[in-house]
N, C-alpha and C. Protein backbone atom coordinates (compact mmCIF):
# COMPACT_ATOMS: atom_id res chain seq x y z
N UNK A 1 0.92 -1.25 -0.10
CA UNK A 1 -0.25 0.08 -0.15
C UNK A 1 0.88 1.47 0.03
N UNK A 2 2.00 1.22 0.90
CA UNK A 2 2.74 2.59 0.63
C UNK A 2 3.39 2.60 -0.71
N UNK A 3 3.77 1.53 -1.33
CA UNK A 3 4.23 1.59 -2.77
C UNK A 3 3.40 2.26 -3.53
N UNK A 4 2.06 1.95 -3.60
CA UNK A 4 1.11 2.41 -4.35
C UNK A 4 0.92 3.86 -4.19
N UNK A 5 0.98 4.60 -3.07
CA UNK A 5 0.69 5.73 -2.36
C UNK A 5 2.06 6.61 -2.91
N UNK A 6 3.16 6.03 -2.72
CA UNK A 6 4.40 7.03 -3.42
C UNK A 6 4.25 6.97 -4.74
N UNK A 7 4.01 5.88 -5.46
CA UNK A 7 3.93 5.92 -6.98
C UNK A 7 2.83 6.87 -7.64
N UNK A 8 1.62 6.81 -6.74
CA UNK A 8 0.54 7.88 -6.81
C UNK A 8 1.22 9.27 -6.98
N UNK A 9 1.97 9.72 -5.85
CA UNK A 9 2.45 11.04 -5.61
C UNK A 9 3.46 11.24 -6.64
N UNK A 10 4.23 10.51 -7.26
CA UNK A 10 5.33 10.57 -8.16
C UNK A 10 4.74 10.83 -9.28
N UNK A 11 3.57 10.07 -9.69
CA UNK A 11 3.17 10.21 -11.15
C UNK A 11 2.71 11.47 -11.54
N UNK A 12 3.17 12.02 -12.81
CA UNK A 12 2.74 13.37 -13.33
C UNK A 12 2.02 13.26 -14.68
N UNK A 13 1.12 12.16 -14.91
CA UNK A 13 0.48 12.00 -16.09
C UNK A 13 -0.81 13.11 -16.37
N UNK A 14 -1.51 13.36 -15.15
CA UNK A 14 -2.87 14.32 -15.40
C UNK A 14 -2.25 15.62 -15.12
N UNK A 15 -0.95 16.11 -15.02
CA UNK A 15 -0.67 17.25 -14.58
C UNK A 15 -1.03 18.38 -15.64
N UNK A 16 -0.59 18.09 -16.88
CA UNK A 16 -0.87 18.74 -18.24
C UNK A 16 -2.60 19.15 -18.16
N UNK A 17 -3.16 18.12 -17.82
CA UNK A 17 -4.71 18.37 -18.01
C UNK A 17 -5.19 19.38 -16.92
N UNK A 18 -4.57 19.39 -15.55
CA UNK A 18 -4.98 20.13 -14.63
C UNK A 18 -4.60 21.72 -15.01
N UNK A 19 -3.40 21.82 -15.38
CA UNK A 19 -3.04 23.17 -15.62
C UNK A 19 -3.63 24.05 -16.69
N UNK A 20 -4.01 23.06 -17.79
CA UNK A 20 -4.66 23.60 -18.85
C UNK A 20 -6.37 23.92 -18.45
N UNK A 21 -6.69 23.05 -17.64
CA UNK A 21 -7.97 23.49 -16.85
C UNK A 21 -8.04 24.66 -15.92
N UNK A 22 -7.03 24.92 -15.29
CA UNK A 22 -6.78 26.03 -14.59
C UNK A 22 -6.72 27.46 -15.35
N UNK A 23 -5.92 27.27 -16.60
CA UNK A 23 -5.63 28.35 -17.45
C UNK A 23 -7.10 28.51 -18.04
N UNK A 24 -7.76 27.77 -18.61
CA UNK A 24 -9.18 27.91 -19.10
C UNK A 24 -10.13 28.63 -17.92
N UNK A 25 -10.19 28.12 -16.92
CA UNK A 25 -10.98 28.70 -15.77
C UNK A 25 -10.62 30.13 -15.60
N UNK A 26 -9.34 30.62 -15.53
CA UNK A 26 -8.94 31.93 -15.63
C UNK A 26 -9.28 32.81 -16.74
N UNK A 27 -8.94 32.25 -18.21
CA UNK A 27 -9.56 33.07 -19.16
C UNK A 27 -11.13 33.28 -19.09
N UNK A 28 -11.81 32.22 -18.80
CA UNK A 28 -13.37 32.10 -18.77
C UNK A 28 -13.61 33.27 -17.54
N UNK A 29 -13.10 33.62 -16.52
CA UNK A 29 -13.37 34.16 -15.38
C UNK A 29 -12.91 35.95 -15.70
N UNK A 30 -11.77 36.15 -16.29
CA UNK A 30 -11.45 37.23 -16.93
C UNK A 30 -12.14 37.66 -18.13
N UNK A 31 -12.59 37.02 -19.15
CA UNK A 31 -13.57 37.38 -20.13
C UNK A 31 -15.06 37.86 -19.48
N UNK A 32 -15.60 37.16 -18.19
CA UNK A 32 -16.77 37.59 -17.75
C UNK A 32 -16.47 38.67 -17.13
N UNK A 33 -15.44 39.06 -16.35
CA UNK A 33 -15.30 40.28 -15.83
C UNK A 33 -15.30 41.49 -16.65
N UNK A 34 -14.65 41.06 -17.98
CA UNK A 34 -14.60 42.14 -19.02
C UNK A 34 -16.29 42.44 -19.55
N UNK A 35 -16.89 41.27 -19.80
CA UNK A 35 -18.26 41.52 -20.51
C UNK A 35 -19.28 42.45 -19.40
N UNK A 36 -18.92 42.25 -18.33
CA UNK A 36 -19.48 42.79 -17.21
C UNK A 36 -19.61 44.19 -17.27
N UNK A 37 -18.16 44.47 -17.32
CA UNK A 37 -17.68 46.11 -17.41
C UNK A 37 -18.28 46.58 -18.83
N UNK A 38 -18.24 46.07 -19.72
CA UNK A 38 -18.62 46.55 -20.88
C UNK A 38 -20.18 46.53 -20.98
N UNK A 39 -20.82 45.92 -20.39
CA UNK A 39 -22.33 46.02 -20.38
C UNK A 39 -22.84 47.19 -19.79
N UNK A 40 -22.09 47.83 -18.71
CA UNK A 40 -22.38 49.22 -18.35
C UNK A 40 -22.03 50.16 -19.19
N UNK A 41 -20.89 50.20 -19.91
CA UNK A 41 -20.76 51.08 -21.00
C UNK A 41 -21.92 51.15 -22.04
N UNK A 42 -22.25 49.96 -22.71
CA UNK A 42 -23.11 49.70 -23.52
C UNK A 42 -24.50 50.01 -23.35
N UNK A 43 -24.88 49.90 -21.97
CA UNK A 43 -26.25 50.39 -21.53
C UNK A 43 -26.33 52.03 -21.80
N UNK A 44 -25.19 52.51 -21.31
CA UNK A 44 -24.97 54.16 -21.24
C UNK A 44 -24.86 54.62 -22.80
N UNK A 45 -24.42 53.86 -23.48
CA UNK A 45 -24.19 54.39 -25.13
C UNK A 45 -25.72 54.33 -25.47
N UNK A 46 -26.53 53.06 -25.38
CA UNK A 46 -27.66 52.61 -25.71
C UNK A 46 -28.63 54.03 -25.17
N UNK A 47 -28.63 54.24 -23.87
CA UNK A 47 -29.57 55.34 -23.71
C UNK A 47 -29.32 56.72 -24.48
N UNK A 48 -27.95 56.93 -24.52
CA UNK A 48 -27.88 58.52 -25.03
C UNK A 48 -28.40 58.30 -26.56
N UNK A 49 -28.24 57.17 -27.09
CA UNK A 49 -28.50 56.98 -28.65
C UNK A 49 -30.14 57.11 -28.61
N UNK A 50 -30.79 56.50 -27.67
CA UNK A 50 -32.15 56.44 -27.50
C UNK A 50 -32.91 57.70 -27.48
N UNK A 51 -32.13 58.40 -26.77
CA UNK A 51 -32.43 59.95 -26.37
C UNK A 51 -32.63 60.76 -27.62
N UNK A 52 -31.44 60.78 -28.38
CA UNK A 52 -31.25 61.48 -29.51
C UNK A 52 -32.29 61.02 -30.45
N UNK A 53 -32.66 59.92 -30.75
CA UNK A 53 -33.73 59.24 -31.60
C UNK A 53 -35.01 59.79 -31.23
N UNK A 54 -35.27 59.80 -29.80
CA UNK A 54 -36.64 60.46 -29.38
C UNK A 54 -36.72 61.80 -29.68
N UNK A 55 -35.50 62.70 -29.40
CA UNK A 55 -35.83 64.04 -29.64
C UNK A 55 -35.97 64.37 -31.20
N UNK A 56 -35.02 63.50 -31.79
CA UNK A 56 -35.16 63.80 -33.64
C UNK A 56 -36.59 63.34 -34.06
N UNK A 57 -37.11 62.59 -33.50
CA UNK A 57 -38.53 61.88 -33.80
C UNK A 57 -39.50 63.13 -33.36
N UNK A 58 -39.29 63.59 -32.24
CA UNK A 58 -40.24 64.68 -31.64
C UNK A 58 -40.17 65.99 -32.60
N UNK A 59 -38.91 66.16 -32.99
CA UNK A 59 -38.82 67.47 -33.62
C UNK A 59 -39.33 67.18 -35.10
N UNK A 60 -38.89 66.03 -35.74
CA UNK A 60 -39.78 65.78 -37.24
C UNK A 60 -41.21 65.85 -37.14
N UNK A 61 -41.85 65.59 -36.07
CA UNK A 61 -43.27 65.48 -35.94
C UNK A 61 -44.10 66.83 -35.62
N UNK A 62 -43.17 67.82 -35.22
CA UNK A 62 -43.79 69.07 -35.09
C UNK A 62 -43.73 69.87 -35.97
């Protein structure tokens, strides 16, 4: 049993998979943070554009 545990600790077969999984998780979290931050900016741009369109529509109708 002791030899089995020592061999298990020394084996590096799945190490690459774990590293790539951690890297993918980091990229996904960073992307989500950027999308959340960009969402606020897009909301502001949309609001300003909508206001301009409403003002132009009101001016054209008068």
